[in-house]
Amino acid sequence: MAAPGMEKKDFHVSVEGGTLTIRSEKKEEIKEKKENYTRREFSYNSFIRSFRLPDNCLPEKIDAKYENGILTLVLPKKEVIAQKAVKEIKVS
């Protein structure tokens, strides 16, 4: 997920009931004082995204990493054991 201008601390990633939720909030305030006036500028950015996890996902092993404006999530899956083909036995 591309999220330029954010920092690691701005993200909150959680899993509840099979749903992965990514939230981000960033607040900025710029205050400029001059002799005759004071100027204040506020900026507020937020977003929430939710995704339904597949049944074969391991929620306790999800890993998140934020680097260079990109939030990367790793969703490990349960190992699927391939069942052997049915072997027919001839009755003699």
PDB file of N, CA and C in Angstrom:
ATOM      1  N   MET A   1       0.844  -1.157   0.000  1.00  0.00           N
ATOM      2  CA  MET A   1       0.000   0.000   0.000  1.00  0.00           C
ATOM      3  C   MET A   1       0.897   1.230   0.000  1.00  0.00           C
ATOM      4  N   ALA A   2       0.701   2.118  -0.919  1.00  0.00           N
ATOM      5  CA  ALA A   2       1.490   3.346  -0.986  1.00  0.00           C
ATOM      6  C   ALA A   2       0.905   4.367  -0.015  1.00  0.00           C
ATOM      7  N   ALA A   3       1.758   4.914   0.839  1.00  0.00           N
ATOM      8  CA  ALA A   3       1.332   5.918   1.820  1.00  0.00           C
ATOM      9  C   ALA A   3       2.476   6.902   2.044  1.00  0.00           C
ATOM     10  N   PRO A   4       2.780   7.715   1.044  1.00  0.00           N
ATOM     11  CA  PRO A   4       3.905   8.638   1.176  1.00  0.00           C
ATOM     12  C   PRO A   4       3.612   9.731   2.205  1.00  0.00           C
ATOM     13  N   GLY A   5       4.674  10.182   2.862  1.00  0.00           N
ATOM     14  CA  GLY A   5       4.535  11.255   3.833  1.00  0.00           C
ATOM     15  C   GLY A   5       4.127  10.795   5.220  1.00  0.00           C
ATOM     16  N   MET A   6       3.839   9.529   5.383  1.00  0.00           N
ATOM     17  CA  MET A   6       3.442   8.988   6.678  1.00  0.00           C
ATOM     18  C   MET A   6       4.677   8.461   7.398  1.00  0.00           C
ATOM     19  N   GLU A   7       4.492   8.142   8.663  1.00  0.00           N
ATOM     20  CA  GLU A   7       5.537   7.519   9.461  1.00  0.00           C
ATOM     21  C   GLU A   7       4.982   6.232  10.053  1.00  0.00           C
ATOM     22  N   LYS A   8       5.900   5.400  10.545  1.00  0.00           N
ATOM     23  CA  LYS A   8       5.508   4.117  11.145  1.00  0.00           C
ATOM     24  C   LYS A   8       4.467   4.294  12.232  1.00  0.00           C
ATOM     25  N   LYS A   9       4.643   5.300  13.073  1.00  0.00           N
ATOM     26  CA  LYS A   9       3.761   5.505  14.221  1.00  0.00           C
ATOM     27  C   LYS A   9       2.351   5.946  13.815  1.00  0.00           C
ATOM     28  N   ASP A  10       2.151   6.343  12.566  1.00  0.00           N
ATOM     29  CA  ASP A  10       0.841   6.793  12.099  1.00  0.00           C
ATOM     30  C   ASP A  10      -0.095   5.630  11.766  1.00  0.00           C
ATOM     31  N   PHE A  11       0.423   4.411  11.671  1.00  0.00           N
ATOM     32  CA  PHE A  11      -0.374   3.257  11.262  1.00  0.00           C
ATOM     33  C   PHE A  11      -0.823   2.417  12.450  1.00  0.00           C
ATOM     34  N   HIS A  12      -2.035   1.875  12.339  1.00  0.00           N
ATOM     35  CA  HIS A  12      -2.575   0.923  13.309  1.00  0.00           C
ATOM     36  C   HIS A  12      -3.163  -0.230  12.498  1.00  0.00           C
ATOM     37  N   VAL A  13      -2.578  -1.406  12.635  1.00  0.00           N
ATOM     38  CA  VAL A  13      -3.032  -2.585  11.885  1.00  0.00           C
ATOM     39  C   VAL A  13      -3.590  -3.575  12.894  1.00  0.00           C
ATOM     40  N   SER A  14      -4.816  -4.078  12.638  1.00  0.00           N
ATOM     41  CA  SER A  14      -5.435  -5.019  13.574  1.00  0.00           C
ATOM     42  C   SER A  14      -6.214  -6.085  12.808  1.00  0.00           C
ATOM     43  N   VAL A  15      -6.422  -7.219  13.485  1.00  0.00           N
ATOM     44  CA  VAL A  15      -7.217  -8.308  12.927  1.00  0.00           C
ATOM     45  C   VAL A  15      -8.292  -8.650  13.948  1.00  0.00           C
ATOM     46  N   GLU A  16      -9.534  -8.676  13.468  1.00  0.00           N
ATOM     47  CA  GLU A  16     -10.645  -9.030  14.350  1.00  0.00           C
ATOM     48  C   GLU A  16     -11.698  -9.780  13.538  1.00  0.00           C
ATOM     49  N   GLY A  17     -12.019 -10.975  13.997  1.00  0.00           N
ATOM     50  CA  GLY A  17     -13.061 -11.760  13.336  1.00  0.00           C
ATOM     51  C   GLY A  17     -12.815 -12.038  11.874  1.00  0.00           C
ATOM     52  N   GLY A  18     -11.567 -12.278  11.501  1.00  0.00           N
ATOM     53  CA  GLY A  18     -11.255 -12.600  10.113  1.00  0.00           C
ATOM     54  C   GLY A  18     -11.148 -11.385   9.202  1.00  0.00           C
ATOM     55  N   THR A  19     -11.151 -10.182   9.770  1.00  0.00           N
ATOM     56  CA  THR A  19     -11.039  -8.962   8.981  1.00  0.00           C
ATOM     57  C   THR A  19      -9.773  -8.207   9.382  1.00  0.00           C
ATOM     58  N   LEU A  20      -8.973  -7.863   8.390  1.00  0.00           N
ATOM     59  CA  LEU A  20      -7.757  -7.083   8.599  1.00  0.00           C
ATOM     60  C   LEU A  20      -8.106  -5.617   8.376  1.00  0.00           C
ATOM     61  N   THR A  21      -7.788  -4.766   9.361  1.00  0.00           N
ATOM     62  CA  THR A  21      -8.089  -3.341   9.258  1.00  0.00           C
ATOM     63  C   THR A  21      -6.800  -2.543   9.365  1.00  0.00           C
ATOM     64  N   ILE A  22      -6.617  -1.616   8.421  1.00  0.00           N
ATOM     65  CA  ILE A  22      -5.460  -0.722   8.417  1.00  0.00           C
ATOM     66  C   ILE A  22      -5.997   0.691   8.594  1.00  0.00           C
ATOM     67  N   ARG A  23      -5.512   1.362   9.644  1.00  0.00           N
ATOM     68  CA  ARG A  23      -5.926   2.736   9.920  1.00  0.00           C
ATOM     69  C   ARG A  23      -4.692   3.623   9.948  1.00  0.00           C
ATOM     70  N   SER A  24      -4.883   4.861   9.553  1.00  0.00           N
ATOM     71  CA  SER A  24      -3.790   5.810   9.627  1.00  0.00           C
ATOM     72  C   SER A  24      -4.354   7.193   9.924  1.00  0.00           C
ATOM     73  N   GLU A  25      -3.678   7.902  10.801  1.00  0.00           N
ATOM     74  CA  GLU A  25      -4.037   9.283  11.121  1.00  0.00           C
ATOM     75  C   GLU A  25      -2.772  10.110  11.203  1.00  0.00           C
ATOM     76  N   LYS A  26      -2.834  11.296  10.664  1.00  0.00           N
ATOM     77  CA  LYS A  26      -1.696  12.206  10.760  1.00  0.00           C
ATOM     78  C   LYS A  26      -2.238  13.618  10.939  1.00  0.00           C
ATOM     79  N   LYS A  27      -1.788  14.264  12.002  1.00  0.00           N
ATOM     80  CA  LYS A  27      -2.201  15.633  12.294  1.00  0.00           C
ATOM     81  C   LYS A  27      -0.966  16.522  12.271  1.00  0.00           C
ATOM     82  N   GLU A  28      -1.107  17.682  11.669  1.00  0.00           N
ATOM     83  CA  GLU A  28      -0.015  18.645  11.634  1.00  0.00           C
ATOM     84  C   GLU A  28      -0.564  20.024  11.967  1.00  0.00           C
ATOM     85  N   GLU A  29       0.234  20.778  12.668  1.00  0.00           N
ATOM     86  CA  GLU A  29      -0.136  22.153  12.986  1.00  0.00           C
ATOM     87  C   GLU A  29       1.081  23.036  12.746  1.00  0.00           C
ATOM     88  N   ILE A  30       0.886  24.069  11.982  1.00  0.00           N
ATOM     89  CA  ILE A  30       1.950  25.027  11.705  1.00  0.00           C
ATOM     90  C   ILE A  30       1.522  26.356  12.332  1.00  0.00           C
ATOM     91  N   LYS A  31       2.375  26.882  13.174  1.00  0.00           N
ATOM     92  CA  LYS A  31       2.060  28.127  13.859  1.00  0.00           C
ATOM     93  C   LYS A  31       3.155  29.135  13.534  1.00  0.00           C
ATOM     94  N   GLU A  32       2.741  30.289  13.041  1.00  0.00           N
ATOM     95  CA  GLU A  32       3.680  31.337  12.669  1.00  0.00           C
ATOM     96  C   GLU A  32       3.292  32.619  13.408  1.00  0.00           C
ATOM     97  N   LYS A  33       4.189  33.110  14.226  1.00  0.00           N
ATOM     98  CA  LYS A  33       3.932  34.350  14.973  1.00  0.00           C
ATOM     99  C   LYS A  33       4.801  35.460  14.405  1.00  0.00           C
ATOM    100  N   LYS A  34       4.153  36.535  14.076  1.00  0.00           N
ATOM    101  CA  LYS A  34       4.850  37.742  13.625  1.00  0.00           C
ATOM    102  C   LYS A  34       4.502  38.874  14.592  1.00  0.00           C
ATOM    103  N   GLU A  35       5.050  40.005  14.341  1.00  0.00           N
ATOM    104  CA  GLU A  35       4.833  41.134  15.241  1.00  0.00           C
ATOM    105  C   GLU A  35       3.366  41.544  15.323  1.00  0.00           C
ATOM    106  N   ASN A  36       2.683  41.540  14.180  1.00  0.00           N
ATOM    107  CA  ASN A  36       1.300  42.041  14.146  1.00  0.00           C
ATOM    108  C   ASN A  36       0.238  40.948  14.025  1.00  0.00           C
ATOM    109  N   TYR A  37       0.641  39.715  13.802  1.00  0.00           N
ATOM    110  CA  TYR A  37      -0.371  38.666  13.623  1.00  0.00           C
ATOM    111  C   TYR A  37       0.194  37.300  13.995  1.00  0.00           C
ATOM    112  N   THR A  38      -0.736  36.381  14.150  1.00  0.00           N
ATOM    113  CA  THR A  38      -0.393  34.970  14.369  1.00  0.00           C
ATOM    114  C   THR A  38      -1.167  34.167  13.333  1.00  0.00           C
ATOM    115  N   ARG A  39      -0.478  33.289  12.644  1.00  0.00           N
ATOM    116  CA  ARG A  39      -1.129  32.440  11.642  1.00  0.00           C
ATOM    117  C   ARG A  39      -0.986  30.988  12.072  1.00  0.00           C
ATOM    118  N   ARG A  40      -2.110  30.251  12.061  1.00  0.00           N
ATOM    119  CA  ARG A  40      -2.092  28.832  12.398  1.00  0.00           C
ATOM    120  C   ARG A  40      -2.729  28.062  11.249  1.00  0.00           C
ATOM    121  N   GLU A  41      -2.066  26.994  10.868  1.00  0.00           N
ATOM    122  CA  GLU A  41      -2.553  26.147   9.777  1.00  0.00           C
ATOM    123  C   GLU A  41      -2.636  24.721  10.290  1.00  0.00           C
ATOM    124  N   PHE A  42      -3.769  24.085  10.053  1.00  0.00           N
ATOM    125  CA  PHE A  42      -3.985  22.721  10.516  1.00  0.00           C
ATOM    126  C   PHE A  42      -4.166  21.796   9.324  1.00  0.00           C
ATOM    127  N   SER A  43      -3.616  20.601   9.452  1.00  0.00           N
ATOM    128  CA  SER A  43      -3.769  19.583   8.418  1.00  0.00           C
ATOM    129  C   SER A  43      -4.104  18.262   9.113  1.00  0.00           C
ATOM    130  N   TYR A  44      -5.106  17.569   8.611  1.00  0.00           N
ATOM    131  CA  TYR A  44      -5.521  16.308   9.209  1.00  0.00           C
ATOM    132  C   TYR A  44      -5.804  15.311   8.087  1.00  0.00           C
ATOM    133  N   ASN A  45      -5.097  14.193   8.098  1.00  0.00           N
ATOM    134  CA  ASN A  45      -5.295  13.139   7.098  1.00  0.00           C
ATOM    135  C   ASN A  45      -5.580  11.832   7.813  1.00  0.00           C
ATOM    136  N   SER A  46      -6.563  11.095   7.324  1.00  0.00           N
ATOM    137  CA  SER A  46      -6.826   9.778   7.900  1.00  0.00           C
ATOM    138  C   SER A  46      -7.463   8.884   6.840  1.00  0.00           C
ATOM    139  N   PHE A  47      -7.280   7.588   7.023  1.00  0.00           N
ATOM    140  CA  PHE A  47      -7.982   6.617   6.177  1.00  0.00           C
ATOM    141  C   PHE A  47      -8.117   5.301   6.928  1.00  0.00           C
ATOM    142  N   ILE A  48      -9.099   4.536   6.524  1.00  0.00           N
ATOM    143  CA  ILE A  48      -9.336   3.197   7.073  1.00  0.00           C
ATOM    144  C   ILE A  48      -9.642   2.277   5.899  1.00  0.00           C
ATOM    145  N   ARG A  49      -8.970   1.151   5.868  1.00  0.00           N
ATOM    146  CA  ARG A  49      -9.233   0.119   4.854  1.00  0.00           C
ATOM    147  C   ARG A  49      -9.401  -1.207   5.577  1.00  0.00           C
ATOM    148  N   SER A  50     -10.401  -1.972   5.173  1.00  0.00           N
ATOM    149  CA  SER A  50     -10.636  -3.291   5.770  1.00  0.00           C
ATOM    150  C   SER A  50     -10.676  -4.336   4.667  1.00  0.00           C
ATOM    151  N   PHE A  51     -10.095  -5.484   4.972  1.00  0.00           N
ATOM    152  CA  PHE A  51     -10.031  -6.589   4.014  1.00  0.00           C
ATOM    153  C   PHE A  51     -10.445  -7.869   4.721  1.00  0.00           C
ATOM    154  N   ARG A  52     -11.219  -8.682   4.066  1.00  0.00           N
ATOM    155  CA  ARG A  52     -11.595  -9.997   4.599  1.00  0.00           C
ATOM    156  C   ARG A  52     -10.430 -10.944   4.335  1.00  0.00           C
ATOM    157  N   LEU A  53      -9.973 -11.621   5.384  1.00  0.00           N
ATOM    158  CA  LEU A  53      -8.857 -12.561   5.242  1.00  0.00           C
ATOM    159  C   LEU A  53      -9.354 -13.908   4.716  1.00  0.00           C
ATOM    160  N   PRO A  54      -8.560 -14.582   3.892  1.00  0.00           N
ATOM    161  CA  PRO A  54      -8.950 -15.915   3.428  1.00  0.00           C
ATOM    162  C   PRO A  54      -8.923 -16.910   4.590  1.00  0.00           C
ATOM    163  N   ASP A  55      -9.647 -17.989   4.450  1.00  0.00           N
ATOM    164  CA  ASP A  55      -9.745 -18.998   5.515  1.00  0.00           C
ATOM    165  C   ASP A  55      -8.408 -19.642   5.837  1.00  0.00           C
ATOM    166  N   ASN A  56      -7.506 -19.711   4.869  1.00  0.00           N
ATOM    167  CA  ASN A  56      -6.227 -20.382   5.102  1.00  0.00           C
ATOM    168  C   ASN A  56      -5.135 -19.430   5.604  1.00  0.00           C
ATOM    169  N   CYS A  57      -5.489 -18.227   6.047  1.00  0.00           N
ATOM    170  CA  CYS A  57      -4.524 -17.256   6.550  1.00  0.00           C
ATOM    171  C   CYS A  57      -4.265 -17.481   8.049  1.00  0.00           C
ATOM    172  N   LEU A  58      -3.032 -17.225   8.481  1.00  0.00           N
ATOM    173  CA  LEU A  58      -2.666 -17.335   9.906  1.00  0.00           C
ATOM    174  C   LEU A  58      -2.590 -15.928  10.496  1.00  0.00           C
ATOM    175  N   PRO A  59      -3.677 -15.419  11.107  1.00  0.00           N
ATOM    176  CA  PRO A  59      -3.707 -14.025  11.589  1.00  0.00           C
ATOM    177  C   PRO A  59      -2.652 -13.706  12.638  1.00  0.00           C
ATOM    178  N   GLU A  60      -2.269 -14.685  13.454  1.00  0.00           N
ATOM    179  CA  GLU A  60      -1.293 -14.429  14.517  1.00  0.00           C
ATOM    180  C   GLU A  60       0.126 -14.248  13.977  1.00  0.00           C
ATOM    181  N   LYS A  61       0.345 -14.569  12.714  1.00  0.00           N
ATOM    182  CA  LYS A  61       1.689 -14.449  12.130  1.00  0.00           C
ATOM    183  C   LYS A  61       1.788 -13.344  11.073  1.00  0.00           C
ATOM    184  N   ILE A  62       0.785 -12.470  10.987  1.00  0.00           N
ATOM    185  CA  ILE A  62       0.818 -11.370  10.019  1.00  0.00           C
ATOM    186  C   ILE A  62       1.907 -10.391  10.423  1.00  0.00           C
ATOM    187  N   ASP A  63       2.659  -9.918   9.440  1.00  0.00           N
ATOM    188  CA  ASP A  63       3.768  -9.002   9.690  1.00  0.00           C
ATOM    189  C   ASP A  63       3.571  -7.748   8.833  1.00  0.00           C
ATOM    190  N   ALA A  64       3.850  -6.574   9.416  1.00  0.00           N
ATOM    191  CA  ALA A  64       3.726  -5.312   8.686  1.00  0.00           C
ATOM    192  C   ALA A  64       5.044  -4.556   8.760  1.00  0.00           C
ATOM    193  N   LYS A  65       5.399  -3.899   7.637  1.00  0.00           N
ATOM    194  CA  LYS A  65       6.646  -3.142   7.575  1.00  0.00           C
ATOM    195  C   LYS A  65       6.397  -1.887   6.736  1.00  0.00           C
ATOM    196  N   TYR A  66       6.874  -0.740   7.224  1.00  0.00           N
ATOM    197  CA  TYR A  66       6.730   0.514   6.490  1.00  0.00           C
ATOM    198  C   TYR A  66       8.118   1.037   6.152  1.00  0.00           C
ATOM    199  N   GLU A  67       8.355   1.253   4.862  1.00  0.00           N
ATOM    200  CA  GLU A  67       9.665   1.705   4.418  1.00  0.00           C
ATOM    201  C   GLU A  67       9.522   2.489   3.118  1.00  0.00           C
ATOM    202  N   ASN A  68      10.121   3.672   3.072  1.00  0.00           N
ATOM    203  CA  ASN A  68      10.141   4.517   1.870  1.00  0.00           C
ATOM    204  C   ASN A  68       8.748   4.784   1.292  1.00  0.00           C
ATOM    205  N   GLY A  69       7.778   5.044   2.154  1.00  0.00           N
ATOM    206  CA  GLY A  69       6.426   5.378   1.690  1.00  0.00           C
ATOM    207  C   GLY A  69       5.568   4.191   1.305  1.00  0.00           C
ATOM    208  N   ILE A  70       6.033   2.980   1.552  1.00  0.00           N
ATOM    209  CA  ILE A  70       5.277   1.768   1.196  1.00  0.00           C
ATOM    210  C   ILE A  70       5.017   0.941   2.458  1.00  0.00           C
ATOM    211  N   LEU A  71       3.744   0.636   2.715  1.00  0.00           N
ATOM    212  CA  LEU A  71       3.377  -0.262   3.802  1.00  0.00           C
ATOM    213  C   LEU A  71       3.216  -1.658   3.199  1.00  0.00           C
ATOM    214  N   THR A  72       4.018  -2.601   3.692  1.00  0.00           N
ATOM    215  CA  THR A  72       3.996  -3.975   3.179  1.00  0.00           C
ATOM    216  C   THR A  72       3.472  -4.893   4.269  1.00  0.00           C
ATOM    217  N   LEU A  73       2.481  -5.703   3.927  1.00  0.00           N
ATOM    218  CA  LEU A  73       1.924  -6.688   4.851  1.00  0.00           C
ATOM    219  C   LEU A  73       2.197  -8.080   4.309  1.00  0.00           C
ATOM    220  N   VAL A  74       2.647  -8.962   5.189  1.00  0.00           N
ATOM    221  CA  VAL A  74       2.885 -10.355   4.814  1.00  0.00           C
ATOM    222  C   VAL A  74       1.819 -11.188   5.510  1.00  0.00           C
ATOM    223  N   LEU A  75       1.021 -11.899   4.708  1.00  0.00           N
ATOM    224  CA  LEU A  75      -0.060 -12.731   5.231  1.00  0.00           C
ATOM    225  C   LEU A  75       0.285 -14.197   5.015  1.00  0.00           C
ATOM    226  N   PRO A  76       0.891 -14.846   6.021  1.00  0.00           N
ATOM    227  CA  PRO A  76       1.255 -16.255   5.838  1.00  0.00           C
ATOM    228  C   PRO A  76       0.014 -17.146   5.771  1.00  0.00           C
ATOM    229  N   LYS A  77       0.128 -18.193   4.987  1.00  0.00           N
ATOM    230  CA  LYS A  77      -0.978 -19.132   4.820  1.00  0.00           C
ATOM    231  C   LYS A  77      -0.669 -20.437   5.527  1.00  0.00           C
ATOM    232  N   LYS A  78      -1.741 -21.137   5.894  1.00  0.00           N
ATOM    233  CA  LYS A  78      -1.572 -22.475   6.470  1.00  0.00           C
ATOM    234  C   LYS A  78      -1.039 -23.393   5.385  1.00  0.00           C
ATOM    235  N   GLU A  79      -0.206 -24.307   5.805  1.00  0.00           N
ATOM    236  CA  GLU A  79       0.353 -25.252   4.842  1.00  0.00           C
ATOM    237  C   GLU A  79      -0.737 -26.255   4.466  1.00  0.00           C
ATOM    238  N   VAL A  80      -0.977 -26.363   3.195  1.00  0.00           N
ATOM    239  CA  VAL A  80      -1.993 -27.285   2.703  1.00  0.00           C
ATOM    240  C   VAL A  80      -1.311 -28.602   2.361  1.00  0.00           C
ATOM    241  N   ILE A  81      -1.773 -29.650   2.973  1.00  0.00           N
ATOM    242  CA  ILE A  81      -1.214 -30.971   2.714  1.00  0.00           C
ATOM    243  C   ILE A  81      -2.008 -31.599   1.572  1.00  0.00           C
ATOM    244  N   ALA A  82      -1.313 -31.894   0.505  1.00  0.00           N
ATOM    245  CA  ALA A  82      -1.965 -32.502  -0.644  1.00  0.00           C
ATOM    246  C   ALA A  82      -2.338 -33.939  -0.303  1.00  0.00           C
ATOM    247  N   GLN A  83      -3.600 -34.254  -0.547  1.00  0.00           N
ATOM    248  CA  GLN A  83      -4.036 -35.614  -0.282  1.00  0.00           C
ATOM    249  C   GLN A  83      -3.598 -36.520  -1.415  1.00  0.00           C
ATOM    250  N   LYS A  84      -3.193 -37.726  -1.019  1.00  0.00           N
ATOM    251  CA  LYS A  84      -2.762 -38.694  -2.024  1.00  0.00           C
ATOM    252  C   LYS A  84      -3.978 -39.158  -2.819  1.00  0.00           C
ATOM    253  N   ALA A  85      -3.708 -39.490  -4.061  1.00  0.00           N
ATOM    254  CA  ALA A  85      -4.775 -39.984  -4.927  1.00  0.00           C
ATOM    255  C   ALA A  85      -5.321 -41.296  -4.358  1.00  0.00           C
ATOM    256  N   VAL A  86      -6.582 -41.522  -4.632  1.00  0.00           N
ATOM    257  CA  VAL A  86      -7.222 -42.752  -4.142  1.00  0.00           C
ATOM    258  C   VAL A  86      -6.655 -43.937  -4.904  1.00  0.00           C
ATOM    259  N   LYS A  87      -6.257 -44.925  -4.164  1.00  0.00           N
ATOM    260  CA  LYS A  87      -5.700 -46.130  -4.788  1.00  0.00           C
ATOM    261  C   LYS A  87      -6.770 -47.189  -4.763  1.00  0.00           C
ATOM    262  N   GLU A  88      -7.073 -47.689  -5.927  1.00  0.00           N
ATOM    263  CA  GLU A  88      -8.063 -48.757  -6.015  1.00  0.00           C
ATOM    264  C   GLU A  88      -7.370 -50.094  -5.912  1.00  0.00           C
ATOM    265  N   ILE A  89      -7.983 -50.977  -5.176  1.00  0.00           N
ATOM    266  CA  ILE A  89      -7.448 -52.319  -4.992  1.00  0.00           C
ATOM    267  C   ILE A  89      -8.414 -53.307  -5.614  1.00  0.00           C
ATOM    268  N   LYS A  90      -7.872 -54.147  -6.479  1.00  0.00           N
ATOM    269  CA  LYS A  90      -8.712 -55.160  -7.140  1.00  0.00           C
ATOM    270  C   LYS A  90      -8.970 -56.299  -6.171  1.00  0.00           C
ATOM    271  N   VAL A  91     -10.170 -56.723  -6.174  1.00  0.00           N
ATOM    272  CA  VAL A  91     -10.538 -57.875  -5.354  1.00  0.00           C
ATOM    273  C   VAL A  91     -10.421 -59.115  -6.241  1.00  0.00           C
ATOM    274  N   SER A  92      -9.658 -60.122  -5.775  1.00  0.00           N
ATOM    275  CA  SER A  92      -9.484 -61.317  -6.602  1.00  0.00           C
ATOM    276  C   SER A  92     -10.257 -62.475  -6.047  1.00  0.00           C
TER     277      SER A  92
END
